[in-house]
N, C-alpha and C. Protein backbone atom coordinates (compact mmCIF):
# COMPACT_ATOMS: atom_id res chain seq x y z
N UNK A 1 -108.80 135.92 -15.56
CA UNK A 1 -110.00 135.09 -15.55
C UNK A 1 -109.76 133.82 -16.35
N UNK A 2 -110.15 132.69 -15.78
CA UNK A 2 -109.91 131.41 -16.43
C UNK A 2 -110.79 131.24 -17.67
N UNK A 3 -110.17 130.82 -18.76
CA UNK A 3 -110.93 130.45 -19.96
C UNK A 3 -111.82 129.26 -19.62
N UNK A 4 -112.89 129.09 -20.38
CA UNK A 4 -113.78 127.95 -20.18
C UNK A 4 -113.93 127.18 -21.48
N UNK A 5 -114.54 126.01 -21.38
CA UNK A 5 -114.77 125.21 -22.58
C UNK A 5 -115.58 125.98 -23.61
N UNK A 6 -116.49 126.84 -23.15
CA UNK A 6 -117.33 127.61 -24.07
C UNK A 6 -116.49 128.51 -24.97
N UNK A 7 -115.32 128.93 -24.49
CA UNK A 7 -114.46 129.80 -25.29
C UNK A 7 -113.86 129.07 -26.50
N UNK A 8 -113.91 127.75 -26.49
CA UNK A 8 -113.34 126.97 -27.59
C UNK A 8 -114.39 126.09 -28.28
N UNK A 9 -115.65 126.46 -28.14
CA UNK A 9 -116.72 125.68 -28.77
C UNK A 9 -116.64 125.74 -30.30
N UNK A 10 -115.93 126.73 -30.83
CA UNK A 10 -115.80 126.90 -32.27
C UNK A 10 -114.89 125.87 -32.92
N UNK A 11 -114.00 125.25 -32.17
CA UNK A 11 -112.92 124.47 -32.78
C UNK A 11 -113.45 123.31 -33.62
N UNK A 12 -114.29 122.47 -33.05
CA UNK A 12 -114.75 121.29 -33.78
C UNK A 12 -115.64 121.67 -34.96
N UNK A 13 -116.39 122.76 -34.83
CA UNK A 13 -117.26 123.19 -35.92
C UNK A 13 -116.48 123.83 -37.06
N UNK A 14 -115.51 124.67 -36.72
CA UNK A 14 -114.77 125.42 -37.75
C UNK A 14 -113.63 124.62 -38.37
N UNK A 15 -113.09 123.65 -37.64
CA UNK A 15 -111.93 122.90 -38.13
C UNK A 15 -112.18 121.40 -37.98
N UNK A 16 -113.22 120.88 -38.65
CA UNK A 16 -113.61 119.48 -38.41
C UNK A 16 -112.53 118.47 -38.78
N UNK A 17 -111.77 118.72 -39.87
CA UNK A 17 -110.74 117.76 -40.25
C UNK A 17 -109.62 117.70 -39.22
N UNK A 18 -109.20 118.86 -38.73
CA UNK A 18 -108.16 118.89 -37.71
C UNK A 18 -108.67 118.33 -36.39
N UNK A 19 -109.93 118.65 -36.05
CA UNK A 19 -110.49 118.23 -34.76
C UNK A 19 -110.63 116.73 -34.64
N UNK A 20 -110.72 116.04 -35.77
CA UNK A 20 -110.86 114.57 -35.73
C UNK A 20 -109.66 113.91 -35.08
N UNK A 21 -108.47 114.45 -35.34
CA UNK A 21 -107.24 113.83 -34.82
C UNK A 21 -106.14 114.88 -34.83
N UNK A 22 -105.64 115.24 -33.66
CA UNK A 22 -104.65 116.32 -33.57
C UNK A 22 -103.85 116.19 -32.29
N UNK A 23 -102.74 116.92 -32.25
CA UNK A 23 -102.02 117.19 -31.01
C UNK A 23 -101.57 118.65 -31.06
N UNK A 24 -101.94 119.42 -30.03
CA UNK A 24 -101.49 120.79 -29.86
C UNK A 24 -100.53 120.82 -28.68
N UNK A 25 -99.37 121.46 -28.87
CA UNK A 25 -98.37 121.56 -27.80
C UNK A 25 -97.90 123.00 -27.70
N UNK A 26 -97.71 123.47 -26.48
CA UNK A 26 -97.13 124.79 -26.21
C UNK A 26 -95.85 124.60 -25.41
N UNK A 27 -94.76 125.19 -25.91
CA UNK A 27 -93.44 125.06 -25.29
C UNK A 27 -92.94 126.47 -24.97
N UNK A 28 -92.51 126.67 -23.73
CA UNK A 28 -92.14 128.01 -23.29
C UNK A 28 -90.67 128.33 -23.59
N UNK A 29 -90.46 129.48 -24.21
CA UNK A 29 -89.13 130.05 -24.31
C UNK A 29 -88.19 129.42 -25.31
N UNK A 30 -88.66 128.50 -26.13
CA UNK A 30 -87.80 127.88 -27.14
C UNK A 30 -88.31 128.23 -28.52
N UNK A 31 -87.45 128.66 -29.45
CA UNK A 31 -87.89 128.92 -30.82
C UNK A 31 -88.19 127.61 -31.53
N UNK A 32 -88.95 127.68 -32.62
CA UNK A 32 -89.30 126.46 -33.35
C UNK A 32 -88.09 125.59 -33.73
N UNK A 33 -87.01 126.22 -34.17
CA UNK A 33 -85.85 125.43 -34.59
C UNK A 33 -85.29 124.60 -33.44
N UNK A 34 -85.31 125.15 -32.23
CA UNK A 34 -84.79 124.41 -31.08
C UNK A 34 -85.74 123.29 -30.66
N UNK A 35 -87.05 123.56 -30.72
CA UNK A 35 -88.01 122.49 -30.42
C UNK A 35 -87.82 121.34 -31.40
N UNK A 36 -87.69 121.67 -32.68
CA UNK A 36 -87.50 120.64 -33.70
C UNK A 36 -86.21 119.87 -33.46
N UNK A 37 -85.16 120.57 -33.06
CA UNK A 37 -83.89 119.90 -32.77
C UNK A 37 -84.05 118.91 -31.62
N UNK A 38 -84.78 119.33 -30.59
CA UNK A 38 -84.97 118.45 -29.44
C UNK A 38 -85.80 117.22 -29.80
N UNK A 39 -86.64 117.35 -30.80
CA UNK A 39 -87.43 116.20 -31.27
C UNK A 39 -86.71 115.42 -32.36
N UNK A 40 -85.44 115.81 -32.61
CA UNK A 40 -84.61 115.16 -33.64
C UNK A 40 -85.31 115.20 -35.00
N UNK A 41 -85.86 116.38 -35.30
CA UNK A 41 -86.62 116.55 -36.52
C UNK A 41 -85.81 117.17 -37.64
N UNK A 42 -86.51 117.38 -38.76
CA UNK A 42 -85.91 118.03 -39.91
C UNK A 42 -86.89 119.08 -40.44
N UNK A 43 -86.38 120.06 -41.18
CA UNK A 43 -87.23 121.11 -41.73
C UNK A 43 -88.08 120.59 -42.88
N UNK A 44 -89.29 121.20 -43.00
CA UNK A 44 -90.20 120.92 -44.11
C UNK A 44 -90.69 122.27 -44.64
N UNK A 45 -91.26 122.34 -45.84
CA UNK A 45 -91.76 123.61 -46.36
C UNK A 45 -92.83 124.24 -45.47
N UNK A 46 -92.82 125.57 -45.37
CA UNK A 46 -93.82 126.29 -44.59
C UNK A 46 -95.21 126.11 -45.21
N UNK A 47 -96.24 126.20 -44.37
CA UNK A 47 -97.63 126.08 -44.82
C UNK A 47 -98.45 127.19 -44.19
N UNK A 48 -99.44 127.68 -44.93
CA UNK A 48 -100.31 128.74 -44.42
C UNK A 48 -101.68 128.16 -44.09
N UNK A 49 -102.09 128.35 -42.84
CA UNK A 49 -103.39 127.88 -42.40
C UNK A 49 -103.42 126.39 -42.15
N UNK A 50 -104.41 125.96 -41.37
CA UNK A 50 -104.45 124.55 -41.00
C UNK A 50 -104.96 123.65 -42.12
N UNK A 51 -105.70 124.19 -43.09
CA UNK A 51 -106.12 123.34 -44.20
C UNK A 51 -104.90 122.84 -44.98
N UNK A 52 -103.98 123.75 -45.30
CA UNK A 52 -102.74 123.35 -45.98
C UNK A 52 -101.93 122.40 -45.11
N UNK A 53 -101.93 122.69 -43.82
CA UNK A 53 -101.13 121.89 -42.90
C UNK A 53 -101.66 120.47 -42.79
N UNK A 54 -102.99 120.33 -42.67
CA UNK A 54 -103.60 119.00 -42.60
C UNK A 54 -103.29 118.22 -43.87
N UNK A 55 -103.43 118.86 -45.02
CA UNK A 55 -103.15 118.19 -46.30
C UNK A 55 -101.70 117.73 -46.37
N UNK A 56 -100.78 118.62 -45.95
CA UNK A 56 -99.36 118.28 -45.99
C UNK A 56 -99.04 117.13 -45.03
N UNK A 57 -99.71 117.12 -43.88
CA UNK A 57 -99.46 116.06 -42.90
C UNK A 57 -99.86 114.70 -43.46
N UNK A 58 -101.00 114.63 -44.12
CA UNK A 58 -101.44 113.35 -44.68
C UNK A 58 -100.60 112.96 -45.90
N UNK A 59 -100.17 113.95 -46.67
CA UNK A 59 -99.26 113.65 -47.78
C UNK A 59 -97.96 113.03 -47.27
N UNK A 60 -97.45 113.58 -46.18
CA UNK A 60 -96.21 113.05 -45.61
C UNK A 60 -96.41 111.63 -45.10
N UNK A 61 -97.52 111.39 -44.41
CA UNK A 61 -97.79 110.05 -43.90
C UNK A 61 -97.94 109.04 -45.03
N UNK A 62 -98.52 109.51 -46.16
CA UNK A 62 -98.67 108.61 -47.31
C UNK A 62 -97.32 108.23 -47.90
N UNK A 63 -96.38 109.17 -47.88
CA UNK A 63 -95.07 108.91 -48.49
C UNK A 63 -94.07 108.29 -47.51
N UNK A 64 -94.26 108.56 -46.21
CA UNK A 64 -93.34 108.04 -45.19
C UNK A 64 -94.10 107.95 -43.87
N UNK A 65 -94.64 106.77 -43.58
CA UNK A 65 -95.49 106.64 -42.40
C UNK A 65 -94.71 106.53 -41.09
N UNK A 66 -93.40 106.79 -41.16
CA UNK A 66 -92.61 106.83 -39.94
C UNK A 66 -92.42 108.26 -39.43
N UNK A 67 -92.92 109.26 -40.19
CA UNK A 67 -92.68 110.65 -39.82
C UNK A 67 -93.99 111.40 -39.62
N UNK A 68 -93.95 112.40 -38.73
CA UNK A 68 -95.11 113.22 -38.42
C UNK A 68 -94.80 114.68 -38.72
N UNK A 69 -95.70 115.34 -39.45
CA UNK A 69 -95.54 116.77 -39.71
C UNK A 69 -95.84 117.57 -38.45
N UNK A 70 -95.05 118.61 -38.23
CA UNK A 70 -95.26 119.52 -37.09
C UNK A 70 -95.28 120.94 -37.64
N UNK A 71 -96.38 121.66 -37.43
CA UNK A 71 -96.50 123.06 -37.84
C UNK A 71 -96.29 123.92 -36.60
N UNK A 72 -95.45 124.96 -36.70
CA UNK A 72 -95.05 125.73 -35.52
C UNK A 72 -95.17 127.23 -35.76
N UNK A 73 -95.53 127.94 -34.70
CA UNK A 73 -95.53 129.40 -34.74
C UNK A 73 -95.26 129.93 -33.34
N UNK A 74 -94.71 131.12 -33.25
CA UNK A 74 -94.39 131.74 -31.96
C UNK A 74 -95.54 132.65 -31.55
N UNK A 75 -95.98 132.50 -30.31
CA UNK A 75 -97.02 133.35 -29.73
C UNK A 75 -96.49 133.88 -28.41
N UNK A 76 -96.05 135.12 -28.38
CA UNK A 76 -95.45 135.67 -27.17
C UNK A 76 -94.19 134.90 -26.80
N UNK A 77 -94.16 134.37 -25.58
CA UNK A 77 -93.00 133.61 -25.10
C UNK A 77 -93.12 132.12 -25.38
N UNK A 78 -94.13 131.73 -26.12
CA UNK A 78 -94.40 130.32 -26.34
C UNK A 78 -94.31 129.96 -27.82
N UNK A 79 -93.93 128.72 -28.09
CA UNK A 79 -94.02 128.16 -29.43
C UNK A 79 -95.16 127.15 -29.44
N UNK A 80 -96.08 127.36 -30.38
CA UNK A 80 -97.20 126.44 -30.57
C UNK A 80 -96.85 125.42 -31.64
N UNK A 81 -97.05 124.14 -31.33
CA UNK A 81 -96.86 123.05 -32.28
C UNK A 81 -98.22 122.43 -32.56
N UNK A 82 -98.52 122.24 -33.85
CA UNK A 82 -99.76 121.57 -34.25
C UNK A 82 -99.38 120.35 -35.07
N UNK A 83 -99.89 119.19 -34.65
CA UNK A 83 -99.66 117.95 -35.38
C UNK A 83 -101.01 117.41 -35.86
N UNK A 84 -101.37 117.59 -37.11
CA UNK A 84 -102.57 116.92 -37.62
C UNK A 84 -102.37 115.41 -37.61
N UNK A 85 -103.30 114.70 -36.99
CA UNK A 85 -103.23 113.24 -36.90
C UNK A 85 -101.96 112.78 -36.19
N UNK A 86 -101.45 113.61 -35.26
CA UNK A 86 -100.20 113.27 -34.60
C UNK A 86 -100.33 113.15 -33.09
N UNK A 87 -99.22 112.78 -32.45
CA UNK A 87 -99.26 112.55 -31.01
C UNK A 87 -97.89 112.71 -30.34
N UNK A 88 -96.91 113.27 -31.05
CA UNK A 88 -95.58 113.40 -30.45
C UNK A 88 -95.61 114.23 -29.17
N UNK A 89 -96.45 115.26 -29.14
CA UNK A 89 -96.49 116.16 -27.99
C UNK A 89 -96.90 115.50 -26.70
N UNK A 90 -97.69 114.41 -26.77
CA UNK A 90 -98.11 113.71 -25.56
C UNK A 90 -97.37 112.39 -25.37
N UNK A 91 -96.38 112.13 -26.21
CA UNK A 91 -95.57 110.92 -26.06
C UNK A 91 -94.47 111.21 -25.05
N UNK A 92 -94.58 110.61 -23.88
CA UNK A 92 -93.69 110.98 -22.79
C UNK A 92 -92.22 110.72 -23.11
N UNK A 93 -91.94 109.68 -23.88
CA UNK A 93 -90.55 109.39 -24.24
C UNK A 93 -89.93 110.53 -25.05
N UNK A 94 -90.76 111.30 -25.75
CA UNK A 94 -90.30 112.46 -26.50
C UNK A 94 -90.39 113.74 -25.67
N UNK A 95 -91.54 113.93 -25.00
CA UNK A 95 -91.83 115.19 -24.34
C UNK A 95 -90.96 115.44 -23.11
N UNK A 96 -90.74 114.42 -22.30
CA UNK A 96 -89.99 114.64 -21.06
C UNK A 96 -88.56 115.11 -21.33
N UNK A 97 -87.79 114.43 -22.17
CA UNK A 97 -86.44 114.95 -22.44
C UNK A 97 -86.45 116.28 -23.19
N UNK A 98 -87.45 116.49 -24.07
CA UNK A 98 -87.51 117.75 -24.82
C UNK A 98 -87.87 118.93 -23.93
N UNK A 99 -88.47 118.66 -22.77
CA UNK A 99 -88.94 119.75 -21.90
C UNK A 99 -87.90 120.24 -20.91
N UNK A 100 -86.70 119.70 -20.94
CA UNK A 100 -85.67 120.11 -19.96
C UNK A 100 -85.45 121.62 -20.03
N UNK A 101 -85.56 122.27 -18.89
CA UNK A 101 -85.35 123.71 -18.81
C UNK A 101 -86.54 124.55 -19.22
N UNK A 102 -87.68 123.92 -19.47
CA UNK A 102 -88.83 124.68 -19.95
C UNK A 102 -90.14 124.01 -19.52
N UNK A 103 -91.26 124.61 -19.96
CA UNK A 103 -92.60 124.06 -19.72
C UNK A 103 -93.15 123.51 -21.03
N UNK A 104 -93.88 122.42 -20.92
CA UNK A 104 -94.40 121.71 -22.09
C UNK A 104 -95.83 121.29 -21.77
N UNK A 105 -96.80 121.83 -22.49
CA UNK A 105 -98.21 121.53 -22.25
C UNK A 105 -98.81 121.05 -23.57
N UNK A 106 -99.37 119.84 -23.58
CA UNK A 106 -99.86 119.25 -24.82
C UNK A 106 -101.20 118.56 -24.58
N UNK A 107 -102.06 118.56 -25.63
CA UNK A 107 -103.29 117.77 -25.58
C UNK A 107 -103.54 117.16 -26.94
N UNK A 108 -104.21 116.01 -26.93
CA UNK A 108 -104.29 115.14 -28.10
C UNK A 108 -105.64 114.46 -28.15
N UNK A 109 -106.14 114.25 -29.37
CA UNK A 109 -107.32 113.42 -29.62
C UNK A 109 -107.04 112.64 -30.91
N UNK A 110 -107.50 111.38 -30.97
CA UNK A 110 -107.41 110.68 -32.25
C UNK A 110 -108.80 110.33 -32.77
N UNK A 111 -108.84 109.71 -33.93
CA UNK A 111 -110.12 109.47 -34.60
C UNK A 111 -111.00 108.49 -33.83
N UNK A 112 -110.40 107.74 -32.91
CA UNK A 112 -111.16 106.80 -32.08
C UNK A 112 -111.59 107.42 -30.75
N UNK A 113 -111.43 108.75 -30.64
CA UNK A 113 -111.80 109.51 -29.44
C UNK A 113 -110.92 109.18 -28.23
N UNK A 114 -109.75 108.58 -28.48
CA UNK A 114 -108.75 108.46 -27.42
C UNK A 114 -108.14 109.84 -27.22
N UNK A 115 -108.03 110.29 -25.97
CA UNK A 115 -107.49 111.63 -25.73
C UNK A 115 -106.50 111.63 -24.58
N UNK A 116 -105.69 112.68 -24.53
CA UNK A 116 -104.65 112.78 -23.50
C UNK A 116 -104.26 114.24 -23.31
N UNK A 117 -103.94 114.59 -22.06
CA UNK A 117 -103.41 115.91 -21.72
C UNK A 117 -102.14 115.68 -20.91
N UNK A 118 -101.10 116.45 -21.23
CA UNK A 118 -99.80 116.27 -20.57
C UNK A 118 -99.21 117.63 -20.23
N UNK A 119 -98.81 117.79 -18.96
CA UNK A 119 -98.13 119.01 -18.50
C UNK A 119 -96.80 118.58 -17.90
N UNK A 120 -95.71 119.03 -18.50
CA UNK A 120 -94.36 118.67 -18.06
C UNK A 120 -93.57 119.93 -17.77
N UNK A 121 -92.81 119.92 -16.69
CA UNK A 121 -91.90 121.02 -16.34
C UNK A 121 -90.51 120.45 -16.14
N UNK A 122 -89.56 120.89 -16.96
CA UNK A 122 -88.15 120.54 -16.78
C UNK A 122 -87.96 119.03 -16.62
N UNK A 123 -88.62 118.28 -17.49
CA UNK A 123 -88.44 116.84 -17.48
C UNK A 123 -89.29 116.08 -16.48
N UNK A 124 -90.09 116.81 -15.67
CA UNK A 124 -90.94 116.17 -14.67
C UNK A 124 -92.40 116.24 -15.09
N UNK A 125 -93.05 115.11 -15.11
CA UNK A 125 -94.48 115.07 -15.45
C UNK A 125 -95.30 115.57 -14.27
N UNK A 126 -95.91 116.74 -14.43
CA UNK A 126 -96.71 117.31 -13.35
C UNK A 126 -98.16 116.86 -13.40
N UNK A 127 -98.69 116.67 -14.60
CA UNK A 127 -100.09 116.28 -14.74
C UNK A 127 -100.28 115.52 -16.04
N UNK A 128 -100.97 114.39 -15.95
CA UNK A 128 -101.39 113.65 -17.14
C UNK A 128 -102.77 113.08 -16.86
N UNK A 129 -103.64 113.16 -17.86
CA UNK A 129 -104.97 112.58 -17.71
C UNK A 129 -105.65 112.53 -19.06
N UNK A 130 -106.76 111.83 -19.12
CA UNK A 130 -107.59 111.80 -20.30
C UNK A 130 -108.68 112.86 -20.13
N UNK A 131 -108.76 113.88 -21.00
CA UNK A 131 -109.76 114.93 -20.82
C UNK A 131 -111.19 114.42 -20.73
N UNK A 132 -111.48 113.30 -21.34
CA UNK A 132 -112.82 112.74 -21.23
C UNK A 132 -113.09 112.08 -19.90
N UNK A 133 -112.03 111.82 -19.11
CA UNK A 133 -112.16 111.18 -17.79
C UNK A 133 -111.29 111.94 -16.80
N UNK A 134 -111.64 113.19 -16.47
CA UNK A 134 -110.76 114.02 -15.66
C UNK A 134 -110.64 113.59 -14.20
N UNK A 135 -111.49 112.69 -13.76
CA UNK A 135 -111.40 112.22 -12.38
C UNK A 135 -110.11 111.44 -12.12
N UNK A 136 -109.57 110.80 -13.15
CA UNK A 136 -108.33 110.04 -13.00
C UNK A 136 -107.17 110.87 -13.52
N UNK A 137 -106.30 111.30 -12.60
CA UNK A 137 -105.14 112.13 -12.95
C UNK A 137 -103.90 111.57 -12.26
N UNK A 138 -102.75 111.77 -12.88
CA UNK A 138 -101.52 111.32 -12.27
C UNK A 138 -100.42 112.31 -12.59
N UNK A 139 -99.25 112.12 -11.97
CA UNK A 139 -98.15 113.06 -12.13
C UNK A 139 -97.72 113.60 -10.78
N UNK A 140 -96.73 114.49 -10.78
CA UNK A 140 -96.19 115.02 -9.52
C UNK A 140 -97.15 115.97 -8.82
N UNK A 141 -97.97 116.72 -9.59
CA UNK A 141 -98.91 117.68 -8.99
C UNK A 141 -100.27 117.56 -9.68
N UNK A 142 -100.91 116.40 -9.59
CA UNK A 142 -102.12 116.17 -10.39
C UNK A 142 -103.32 117.02 -9.97
N UNK A 143 -103.30 117.54 -8.74
CA UNK A 143 -104.45 118.30 -8.27
C UNK A 143 -104.24 119.82 -8.31
N UNK A 144 -103.07 120.27 -8.73
CA UNK A 144 -102.80 121.71 -8.70
C UNK A 144 -103.82 122.52 -9.50
N UNK A 145 -104.18 122.10 -10.73
CA UNK A 145 -105.15 122.90 -11.49
C UNK A 145 -106.60 122.42 -11.31
N UNK A 146 -106.87 121.62 -10.26
CA UNK A 146 -108.18 120.99 -10.14
C UNK A 146 -109.31 122.02 -10.03
N UNK A 147 -109.11 123.05 -9.24
CA UNK A 147 -110.16 124.08 -9.11
C UNK A 147 -110.44 124.73 -10.46
N UNK A 148 -109.39 125.05 -11.20
CA UNK A 148 -109.57 125.64 -12.53
C UNK A 148 -110.28 124.66 -13.47
N UNK A 149 -109.97 123.39 -13.36
CA UNK A 149 -110.59 122.39 -14.23
C UNK A 149 -112.10 122.33 -14.02
N UNK A 150 -112.54 122.48 -12.78
CA UNK A 150 -113.98 122.52 -12.50
C UNK A 150 -114.61 123.75 -13.15
N UNK A 151 -113.94 124.89 -13.02
CA UNK A 151 -114.49 126.13 -13.61
C UNK A 151 -114.49 126.06 -15.14
N UNK A 152 -113.49 125.42 -15.70
CA UNK A 152 -113.36 125.33 -17.16
C UNK A 152 -114.52 124.56 -17.77
N UNK A 153 -114.98 123.52 -17.10
CA UNK A 153 -116.11 122.76 -17.63
C UNK A 153 -115.81 121.31 -17.94
N UNK A 154 -114.71 120.76 -17.40
CA UNK A 154 -114.49 119.33 -17.53
C UNK A 154 -115.64 118.58 -16.88
N UNK A 155 -116.03 117.47 -17.47
CA UNK A 155 -117.20 116.73 -17.00
C UNK A 155 -116.77 115.65 -16.01
N UNK A 156 -116.71 116.04 -14.74
CA UNK A 156 -116.40 115.09 -13.67
C UNK A 156 -117.64 114.24 -13.38
N UNK A 157 -117.39 113.06 -12.84
CA UNK A 157 -118.50 112.14 -12.58
C UNK A 157 -119.59 112.77 -11.73
N UNK A 158 -119.19 113.51 -10.69
CA UNK A 158 -120.18 114.10 -9.79
C UNK A 158 -120.90 115.30 -10.39
N UNK A 159 -120.44 115.74 -11.57
CA UNK A 159 -121.01 116.95 -12.17
C UNK A 159 -121.60 116.65 -13.54
N UNK A 160 -121.87 115.40 -13.85
CA UNK A 160 -122.42 115.06 -15.15
C UNK A 160 -123.83 115.60 -15.30
N UNK A 161 -124.19 115.91 -16.54
CA UNK A 161 -125.52 116.44 -16.83
C UNK A 161 -126.20 115.52 -17.85
N UNK A 162 -127.42 115.87 -18.20
CA UNK A 162 -128.15 115.08 -19.19
C UNK A 162 -127.74 115.41 -20.62
N UNK A 163 -126.88 116.41 -20.78
CA UNK A 163 -126.47 116.82 -22.12
C UNK A 163 -125.57 115.77 -22.76
N UNK A 164 -125.75 115.54 -24.05
CA UNK A 164 -124.89 114.61 -24.79
C UNK A 164 -123.64 115.31 -25.33
N UNK A 165 -123.56 116.63 -25.13
CA UNK A 165 -122.43 117.39 -25.67
C UNK A 165 -121.13 116.98 -25.00
N UNK A 166 -120.13 116.69 -25.82
CA UNK A 166 -118.82 116.32 -25.30
C UNK A 166 -117.94 117.58 -25.27
N UNK A 167 -117.60 118.02 -24.06
CA UNK A 167 -116.84 119.25 -23.91
C UNK A 167 -115.35 119.01 -23.70
N UNK A 168 -114.91 117.76 -23.77
CA UNK A 168 -113.55 117.47 -23.35
C UNK A 168 -112.50 118.13 -24.23
N UNK A 169 -112.71 118.18 -25.55
CA UNK A 169 -111.74 118.82 -26.43
C UNK A 169 -111.65 120.31 -26.14
N UNK A 170 -112.80 120.99 -26.07
CA UNK A 170 -112.80 122.42 -25.78
C UNK A 170 -112.21 122.70 -24.41
N UNK A 171 -112.49 121.84 -23.45
CA UNK A 171 -111.95 122.03 -22.10
C UNK A 171 -110.44 121.87 -22.08
N UNK A 172 -109.90 120.95 -22.89
CA UNK A 172 -108.44 120.78 -22.96
C UNK A 172 -107.77 122.04 -23.50
N UNK A 173 -108.36 122.67 -24.53
CA UNK A 173 -107.83 123.94 -25.01
C UNK A 173 -107.85 124.99 -23.91
N UNK A 174 -108.95 125.05 -23.16
CA UNK A 174 -109.07 126.06 -22.11
C UNK A 174 -108.06 125.82 -20.99
N UNK A 175 -107.81 124.57 -20.63
CA UNK A 175 -106.82 124.29 -19.60
C UNK A 175 -105.41 124.65 -20.09
N UNK A 176 -105.11 124.38 -21.34
CA UNK A 176 -103.82 124.78 -21.89
C UNK A 176 -103.67 126.30 -21.82
N UNK A 177 -104.74 127.03 -22.12
CA UNK A 177 -104.68 128.49 -22.00
C UNK A 177 -104.47 128.91 -20.56
N UNK A 178 -105.16 128.26 -19.63
CA UNK A 178 -105.00 128.58 -18.20
C UNK A 178 -103.55 128.42 -17.75
N UNK A 179 -102.89 127.38 -18.24
CA UNK A 179 -101.52 127.09 -17.81
C UNK A 179 -100.47 127.94 -18.52
N UNK A 180 -100.81 128.49 -19.69
CA UNK A 180 -99.81 129.20 -20.50
C UNK A 180 -100.13 130.67 -20.75
N UNK A 181 -101.40 131.04 -20.65
CA UNK A 181 -101.82 132.39 -21.02
C UNK A 181 -101.98 132.57 -22.52
N UNK A 182 -101.83 131.51 -23.30
CA UNK A 182 -101.92 131.59 -24.76
C UNK A 182 -103.31 131.18 -25.21
N UNK A 183 -103.99 132.08 -25.91
CA UNK A 183 -105.31 131.76 -26.47
C UNK A 183 -105.18 131.40 -27.94
N UNK A 184 -105.64 130.24 -28.30
CA UNK A 184 -105.71 129.82 -29.70
C UNK A 184 -107.02 130.35 -30.27
N UNK A 185 -106.97 130.96 -31.45
CA UNK A 185 -108.15 131.58 -32.06
C UNK A 185 -108.37 131.03 -33.46
N UNK A 186 -109.59 131.16 -33.99
CA UNK A 186 -109.83 130.75 -35.38
C UNK A 186 -108.94 131.49 -36.37
N UNK A 187 -108.74 132.79 -36.11
CA UNK A 187 -107.90 133.59 -37.02
C UNK A 187 -106.47 133.06 -37.04
N UNK A 188 -105.95 132.70 -35.89
CA UNK A 188 -104.60 132.14 -35.81
C UNK A 188 -104.49 130.89 -36.68
N UNK A 189 -105.48 130.01 -36.58
CA UNK A 189 -105.42 128.75 -37.32
C UNK A 189 -105.66 128.94 -38.81
N UNK A 190 -106.47 129.93 -39.18
CA UNK A 190 -106.75 130.18 -40.59
C UNK A 190 -105.61 130.90 -41.30
N UNK A 191 -104.99 131.88 -40.62
CA UNK A 191 -104.16 132.86 -41.30
C UNK A 191 -102.66 132.71 -41.10
N UNK A 192 -102.23 131.97 -40.11
CA UNK A 192 -100.80 131.89 -39.80
C UNK A 192 -100.03 131.11 -40.87
N UNK A 193 -98.87 131.64 -41.24
CA UNK A 193 -97.93 130.86 -42.03
C UNK A 193 -97.01 130.14 -41.05
N UNK A 194 -97.14 128.84 -41.00
CA UNK A 194 -96.45 128.02 -40.00
C UNK A 194 -95.08 127.58 -40.51
N UNK A 195 -94.08 127.70 -39.64
CA UNK A 195 -92.80 127.03 -39.85
C UNK A 195 -93.05 125.55 -39.66
N UNK A 196 -92.61 124.73 -40.60
CA UNK A 196 -92.92 123.30 -40.50
C UNK A 196 -91.66 122.46 -40.42
N UNK A 197 -91.84 121.32 -39.78
CA UNK A 197 -90.80 120.32 -39.70
C UNK A 197 -91.46 118.96 -39.58
N UNK A 198 -90.65 117.94 -39.49
CA UNK A 198 -91.18 116.60 -39.25
C UNK A 198 -90.22 115.86 -38.35
N UNK A 199 -90.77 114.87 -37.62
CA UNK A 199 -89.95 114.07 -36.74
C UNK A 199 -90.44 112.63 -36.79
N UNK A 200 -89.56 111.73 -36.45
CA UNK A 200 -89.91 110.32 -36.49
C UNK A 200 -90.88 109.98 -35.36
N UNK A 201 -91.89 109.17 -35.70
CA UNK A 201 -92.81 108.68 -34.68
C UNK A 201 -92.45 107.26 -34.26
N UNK A 202 -91.52 106.65 -34.98
CA UNK A 202 -91.02 105.34 -34.56
C UNK A 202 -89.71 105.04 -35.29
């Protein structure tokens, strides 16, 4: 059964600092060390929970604004990457070469409400779009998950309602779950001790 935006309504309420600006990426079949290698990164001290991770990310940016902290954990066959205030996962110049031989699904929001979703398979961009504007999609297979996107709760122009609620962030989490089978939970974000690294953003 497809996850829906309602399944992730907790994210912005429970993790407001992270929800302001983040990038979540799921990479299939590669351990954290290999993902970091593909991003030409280096190891950083482990952090427990996203509060520690957010603090460490901003500390790193304060000391070296050319690097982005990446917190990683393994969930089944996937490695989850969390970048507080980051965007490496949706940067095609990084993601496409890093995705060779695997699947790469990432979504991003920044403090200005700019957002992006990226699905790459073996170096090929299959789907890219802005979750707040799902009617405009591009890539090799931009319509493959379209039916699921409607069920998830993306706000298409023809389906807009009078509600002021913005579901795009929650819907992006649900689409990532639909494509990977990985459910992100509050407990995961609160309790996980993340393997950390950093990589250059420029």
